[in-house]
Amino acid sequence: MSTDISTTILPLLPLDDGVILPNMAIAIAITSDEARAAFDDALATDGPPRIVIATRREGQFSPIGVVAELDGQPAMLPGGHRGATIRALHRAELRVRARASAVHCESP
């Protein structure tokens, strides 16, 4: 049995207060500069807007995250922050590049 693995560069959204697993759908508040940059980069692509979400603890990223797709456009939340609904599609292995806001991710 062969497994096809593809490598893609996607914007990285650090998650400091939880874990997202494949097939989860959640709403995320876009409150940090890192989150705004990740969502803006994802929305600027020609294809479906996708990001990688990875848990960050004490400044270190987990080597496994998820590829997630934005479900619609970000909207304004009470308090003046943007928010978006995302759907986690599948696991991704992170290989962080020089830019901390983008990662290579390998996915099945």
N, C-alpha and C. Protein backbone atom coordinates (compact mmCIF):
# COMPACT_ATOMS: atom_id res chain seq x y z
N MET A 1 0.84 -1.16 0.00
CA MET A 1 0.00 0.00 0.00
C MET A 1 0.89 1.24 0.00
N SER A 2 0.63 2.18 -0.89
CA SER A 2 1.43 3.40 -0.95
C SER A 2 0.63 4.56 -0.40
N THR A 3 1.34 5.48 0.22
CA THR A 3 0.71 6.68 0.75
C THR A 3 1.26 7.86 -0.02
N ASP A 4 0.37 8.62 -0.62
CA ASP A 4 0.78 9.82 -1.33
C ASP A 4 0.87 10.96 -0.32
N ILE A 5 2.00 11.65 -0.29
CA ILE A 5 2.19 12.78 0.60
C ILE A 5 2.50 13.99 -0.25
N SER A 6 1.82 15.08 0.04
CA SER A 6 2.09 16.32 -0.68
C SER A 6 2.65 17.35 0.29
N THR A 7 3.46 18.26 -0.23
CA THR A 7 4.03 19.33 0.57
C THR A 7 3.46 20.64 0.08
N THR A 8 2.94 21.44 1.00
CA THR A 8 2.32 22.71 0.68
C THR A 8 2.78 23.75 1.69
N ILE A 9 2.94 24.98 1.26
CA ILE A 9 3.25 26.07 2.18
C ILE A 9 1.94 26.80 2.48
N LEU A 10 1.60 26.88 3.76
CA LEU A 10 0.37 27.52 4.20
C LEU A 10 0.65 28.47 5.34
N PRO A 11 -0.19 29.49 5.52
CA PRO A 11 -0.03 30.38 6.67
C PRO A 11 -0.24 29.60 7.97
N LEU A 12 0.49 29.99 9.01
CA LEU A 12 0.44 29.31 10.30
C LEU A 12 -0.32 30.13 11.31
N LEU A 13 -1.29 29.51 11.96
CA LEU A 13 -2.03 30.14 13.05
C LEU A 13 -1.65 29.44 14.35
N PRO A 14 -0.91 30.13 15.23
CA PRO A 14 -0.56 29.52 16.51
C PRO A 14 -1.78 29.46 17.42
N LEU A 15 -1.92 28.37 18.12
CA LEU A 15 -3.02 28.20 19.06
C LEU A 15 -2.41 27.99 20.44
N ASP A 16 -2.58 28.99 21.32
CA ASP A 16 -1.95 28.95 22.63
C ASP A 16 -2.84 28.36 23.71
N ASP A 17 -4.10 28.16 23.43
CA ASP A 17 -5.01 27.75 24.50
C ASP A 17 -5.93 26.59 24.13
N GLY A 18 -5.43 25.64 23.37
CA GLY A 18 -6.26 24.50 23.04
C GLY A 18 -5.65 23.64 21.95
N VAL A 19 -6.42 22.66 21.54
CA VAL A 19 -6.01 21.74 20.48
C VAL A 19 -7.19 21.59 19.54
N ILE A 20 -6.92 21.57 18.24
CA ILE A 20 -7.95 21.32 17.25
C ILE A 20 -7.60 20.03 16.54
N LEU A 21 -8.58 19.16 16.41
CA LEU A 21 -8.40 17.86 15.78
C LEU A 21 -9.08 17.83 14.42
N PRO A 22 -8.67 16.92 13.53
CA PRO A 22 -9.33 16.80 12.23
C PRO A 22 -10.84 16.60 12.39
N ASN A 23 -11.58 17.17 11.47
CA ASN A 23 -13.04 17.11 11.39
C ASN A 23 -13.76 18.00 12.39
N MET A 24 -13.04 18.81 13.17
CA MET A 24 -13.69 19.76 14.06
C MET A 24 -14.03 21.03 13.29
N ALA A 25 -15.13 21.66 13.65
CA ALA A 25 -15.50 22.97 13.12
C ALA A 25 -15.67 23.90 14.31
N ILE A 26 -14.93 25.01 14.31
CA ILE A 26 -15.00 25.94 15.43
C ILE A 26 -14.93 27.38 14.95
N ALA A 27 -15.36 28.28 15.82
CA ALA A 27 -15.22 29.71 15.56
C ALA A 27 -13.98 30.20 16.30
N ILE A 28 -13.19 31.02 15.63
CA ILE A 28 -11.95 31.55 16.19
C ILE A 28 -12.00 33.07 16.15
N ALA A 29 -11.67 33.71 17.26
CA ALA A 29 -11.50 35.16 17.28
C ALA A 29 -10.12 35.50 16.74
N ILE A 30 -10.05 36.45 15.85
CA ILE A 30 -8.79 36.85 15.22
C ILE A 30 -8.30 38.08 15.97
N THR A 31 -7.57 37.86 17.07
CA THR A 31 -7.22 38.96 17.95
C THR A 31 -5.76 39.38 17.90
N SER A 32 -4.86 38.48 17.51
CA SER A 32 -3.43 38.81 17.51
C SER A 32 -2.98 39.20 16.11
N ASP A 33 -1.82 39.86 16.06
CA ASP A 33 -1.24 40.21 14.76
C ASP A 33 -0.91 38.96 13.96
N GLU A 34 -0.45 37.90 14.64
CA GLU A 34 -0.14 36.64 13.96
C GLU A 34 -1.39 36.04 13.33
N ALA A 35 -2.49 36.06 14.05
CA ALA A 35 -3.75 35.51 13.52
C ALA A 35 -4.24 36.34 12.34
N ARG A 36 -4.17 37.67 12.46
CA ARG A 36 -4.61 38.53 11.34
C ARG A 36 -3.78 38.26 10.09
N ALA A 37 -2.46 38.13 10.27
CA ALA A 37 -1.58 37.86 9.12
C ALA A 37 -1.90 36.51 8.49
N ALA A 38 -2.13 35.49 9.31
CA ALA A 38 -2.44 34.15 8.78
C ALA A 38 -3.74 34.17 7.98
N PHE A 39 -4.77 34.79 8.53
CA PHE A 39 -6.06 34.84 7.83
C PHE A 39 -5.98 35.70 6.57
N ASP A 40 -5.30 36.83 6.64
CA ASP A 40 -5.15 37.68 5.46
C ASP A 40 -4.39 36.96 4.35
N ASP A 41 -3.31 36.24 4.71
CA ASP A 41 -2.55 35.46 3.72
C ASP A 41 -3.41 34.37 3.10
N ALA A 42 -4.21 33.70 3.92
CA ALA A 42 -5.07 32.62 3.41
C ALA A 42 -6.12 33.17 2.46
N LEU A 43 -6.69 34.32 2.79
CA LEU A 43 -7.73 34.91 1.94
C LEU A 43 -7.18 35.48 0.64
N ALA A 44 -5.87 35.74 0.59
CA ALA A 44 -5.25 36.32 -0.61
C ALA A 44 -4.93 35.27 -1.67
N THR A 45 -5.13 33.99 -1.38
CA THR A 45 -4.82 32.95 -2.36
C THR A 45 -5.95 32.78 -3.35
N ASP A 46 -5.63 32.16 -4.49
CA ASP A 46 -6.64 31.92 -5.52
C ASP A 46 -7.53 30.73 -5.18
N GLY A 47 -7.00 29.77 -4.47
CA GLY A 47 -7.76 28.56 -4.14
C GLY A 47 -8.56 28.75 -2.87
N PRO A 48 -9.02 27.64 -2.32
CA PRO A 48 -9.76 27.73 -1.06
C PRO A 48 -8.84 28.26 0.04
N PRO A 49 -9.33 29.17 0.88
CA PRO A 49 -8.48 29.74 1.93
C PRO A 49 -8.19 28.71 3.02
N ARG A 50 -6.92 28.32 3.11
CA ARG A 50 -6.50 27.30 4.08
C ARG A 50 -5.36 27.82 4.94
N ILE A 51 -5.34 27.34 6.18
CA ILE A 51 -4.28 27.67 7.12
C ILE A 51 -3.87 26.39 7.84
N VAL A 52 -2.72 26.45 8.48
CA VAL A 52 -2.30 25.37 9.38
C VAL A 52 -2.46 25.91 10.79
N ILE A 53 -3.09 25.13 11.65
CA ILE A 53 -3.24 25.50 13.05
C ILE A 53 -2.41 24.53 13.87
N ALA A 54 -1.53 25.08 14.71
CA ALA A 54 -0.67 24.25 15.54
C ALA A 54 -0.64 24.80 16.96
N THR A 55 -0.65 23.90 17.91
CA THR A 55 -0.56 24.28 19.31
C THR A 55 0.85 24.80 19.60
N ARG A 56 0.90 25.89 20.37
CA ARG A 56 2.19 26.47 20.76
C ARG A 56 2.26 26.51 22.29
N ARG A 57 3.30 25.94 22.83
CA ARG A 57 3.52 25.93 24.28
C ARG A 57 4.92 26.47 24.56
N GLU A 58 4.99 27.49 25.40
CA GLU A 58 6.26 28.10 25.78
C GLU A 58 7.11 28.45 24.56
N GLY A 59 6.47 28.97 23.53
CA GLY A 59 7.18 29.42 22.33
C GLY A 59 7.52 28.33 21.34
N GLN A 60 7.21 27.07 21.63
CA GLN A 60 7.52 25.96 20.74
C GLN A 60 6.25 25.40 20.12
N PHE A 61 6.30 25.15 18.82
CA PHE A 61 5.15 24.57 18.12
C PHE A 61 5.15 23.06 18.19
N SER A 62 3.98 22.50 18.29
CA SER A 62 3.83 21.05 18.17
C SER A 62 4.23 20.66 16.76
N PRO A 63 4.88 19.52 16.55
CA PRO A 63 5.27 19.12 15.20
C PRO A 63 4.08 18.67 14.35
N ILE A 64 2.94 18.45 14.97
CA ILE A 64 1.73 18.04 14.25
C ILE A 64 0.64 19.08 14.48
N GLY A 65 0.01 19.49 13.42
CA GLY A 65 -1.11 20.42 13.49
C GLY A 65 -2.22 19.92 12.59
N VAL A 66 -3.10 20.82 12.20
CA VAL A 66 -4.16 20.48 11.25
C VAL A 66 -4.21 21.51 10.13
N VAL A 67 -4.57 21.05 8.95
CA VAL A 67 -4.89 21.97 7.86
C VAL A 67 -6.37 22.28 8.01
N ALA A 68 -6.69 23.56 8.01
CA ALA A 68 -8.08 23.98 8.18
C ALA A 68 -8.47 24.92 7.05
N GLU A 69 -9.73 24.87 6.70
CA GLU A 69 -10.28 25.72 5.65
C GLU A 69 -11.24 26.72 6.27
N LEU A 70 -11.11 27.98 5.85
CA LEU A 70 -12.03 29.00 6.33
C LEU A 70 -13.40 28.74 5.74
N ASP A 71 -14.40 28.81 6.58
CA ASP A 71 -15.78 28.56 6.17
C ASP A 71 -16.48 29.91 6.03
N GLY A 72 -16.36 30.53 4.87
CA GLY A 72 -16.92 31.86 4.65
C GLY A 72 -15.90 32.94 4.96
N GLN A 73 -16.35 34.17 4.96
CA GLN A 73 -15.49 35.32 5.21
C GLN A 73 -15.47 35.67 6.70
N PRO A 74 -14.33 36.19 7.19
CA PRO A 74 -14.32 36.65 8.58
C PRO A 74 -15.37 37.74 8.79
N ALA A 75 -15.92 37.79 9.99
CA ALA A 75 -16.95 38.77 10.33
C ALA A 75 -16.54 39.49 11.61
N MET A 76 -17.15 40.64 11.85
CA MET A 76 -16.86 41.40 13.07
C MET A 76 -17.60 40.80 14.26
N LEU A 77 -16.89 40.68 15.37
CA LEU A 77 -17.46 40.17 16.61
C LEU A 77 -17.70 41.33 17.56
N PRO A 78 -18.55 41.12 18.57
CA PRO A 78 -18.68 42.15 19.60
C PRO A 78 -17.31 42.43 20.21
N GLY A 79 -17.01 43.67 20.44
CA GLY A 79 -15.70 44.03 20.96
C GLY A 79 -14.76 44.52 19.88
N GLY A 80 -15.18 44.45 18.61
CA GLY A 80 -14.39 45.01 17.53
C GLY A 80 -13.38 44.08 16.88
N HIS A 81 -13.28 42.83 17.31
CA HIS A 81 -12.35 41.89 16.68
C HIS A 81 -13.05 41.13 15.56
N ARG A 82 -12.23 40.70 14.59
CA ARG A 82 -12.77 39.81 13.56
C ARG A 82 -12.80 38.40 14.09
N GLY A 83 -13.68 37.59 13.53
CA GLY A 83 -13.76 36.18 13.87
C GLY A 83 -14.05 35.39 12.61
N ALA A 84 -13.75 34.11 12.63
CA ALA A 84 -13.99 33.26 11.47
C ALA A 84 -14.33 31.85 11.94
N THR A 85 -15.09 31.15 11.12
CA THR A 85 -15.36 29.74 11.36
C THR A 85 -14.41 28.95 10.49
N ILE A 86 -13.78 27.95 11.08
CA ILE A 86 -12.86 27.10 10.33
C ILE A 86 -13.28 25.64 10.47
N ARG A 87 -12.92 24.85 9.48
CA ARG A 87 -13.13 23.40 9.51
C ARG A 87 -11.78 22.73 9.37
N ALA A 88 -11.41 21.96 10.37
CA ALA A 88 -10.13 21.23 10.33
C ALA A 88 -10.30 20.03 9.40
N LEU A 89 -9.47 19.96 8.37
CA LEU A 89 -9.61 18.94 7.35
C LEU A 89 -8.84 17.66 7.67
N HIS A 90 -7.55 17.81 7.99
CA HIS A 90 -6.71 16.64 8.24
C HIS A 90 -5.45 17.06 8.97
N ARG A 91 -4.72 16.07 9.47
CA ARG A 91 -3.46 16.32 10.16
C ARG A 91 -2.42 16.87 9.20
N ALA A 92 -1.45 17.56 9.77
CA ALA A 92 -0.33 18.06 8.98
C ALA A 92 0.93 18.00 9.82
N GLU A 93 2.03 17.62 9.19
CA GLU A 93 3.33 17.64 9.85
C GLU A 93 3.99 18.96 9.51
N LEU A 94 4.45 19.67 10.53
CA LEU A 94 5.03 20.99 10.32
C LEU A 94 6.53 20.92 10.15
N ARG A 95 7.00 21.70 9.21
CA ARG A 95 8.43 21.95 9.05
C ARG A 95 8.55 23.45 8.90
N VAL A 96 8.82 24.15 9.98
CA VAL A 96 8.80 25.61 9.99
C VAL A 96 9.96 26.14 9.17
N ARG A 97 9.65 27.12 8.34
CA ARG A 97 10.65 27.79 7.52
C ARG A 97 11.12 29.05 8.21
N ALA A 98 11.91 29.82 7.52
CA ALA A 98 12.48 31.04 8.09
C ALA A 98 11.38 32.01 8.56
N ARG A 99 10.32 32.15 7.79
CA ARG A 99 9.20 32.99 8.19
C ARG A 99 8.35 32.24 9.19
N ALA A 100 8.15 32.81 10.34
CA ALA A 100 7.39 32.13 11.38
C ALA A 100 5.91 32.06 11.05
N SER A 101 5.45 32.82 10.06
CA SER A 101 4.03 32.85 9.77
C SER A 101 3.64 31.88 8.66
N ALA A 102 4.58 31.11 8.15
CA ALA A 102 4.25 30.14 7.10
C ALA A 102 5.02 28.85 7.38
N VAL A 103 4.41 27.74 7.04
CA VAL A 103 5.05 26.45 7.27
C VAL A 103 4.89 25.57 6.04
N HIS A 104 5.83 24.66 5.88
CA HIS A 104 5.63 23.54 4.97
C HIS A 104 4.79 22.54 5.73
N CYS A 105 3.78 22.00 5.14
CA CYS A 105 3.06 20.94 5.84
C CYS A 105 2.94 19.76 4.90
N GLU A 106 3.14 18.60 5.45
CA GLU A 106 2.98 17.37 4.70
C GLU A 106 1.69 16.73 5.14
N SER A 107 0.89 16.36 4.19
CA SER A 107 -0.40 15.76 4.53
C SER A 107 -0.70 14.63 3.56
N PRO A 108 -1.48 13.66 4.04
CA PRO A 108 -1.80 12.51 3.20
C PRO A 108 -2.75 12.89 2.09
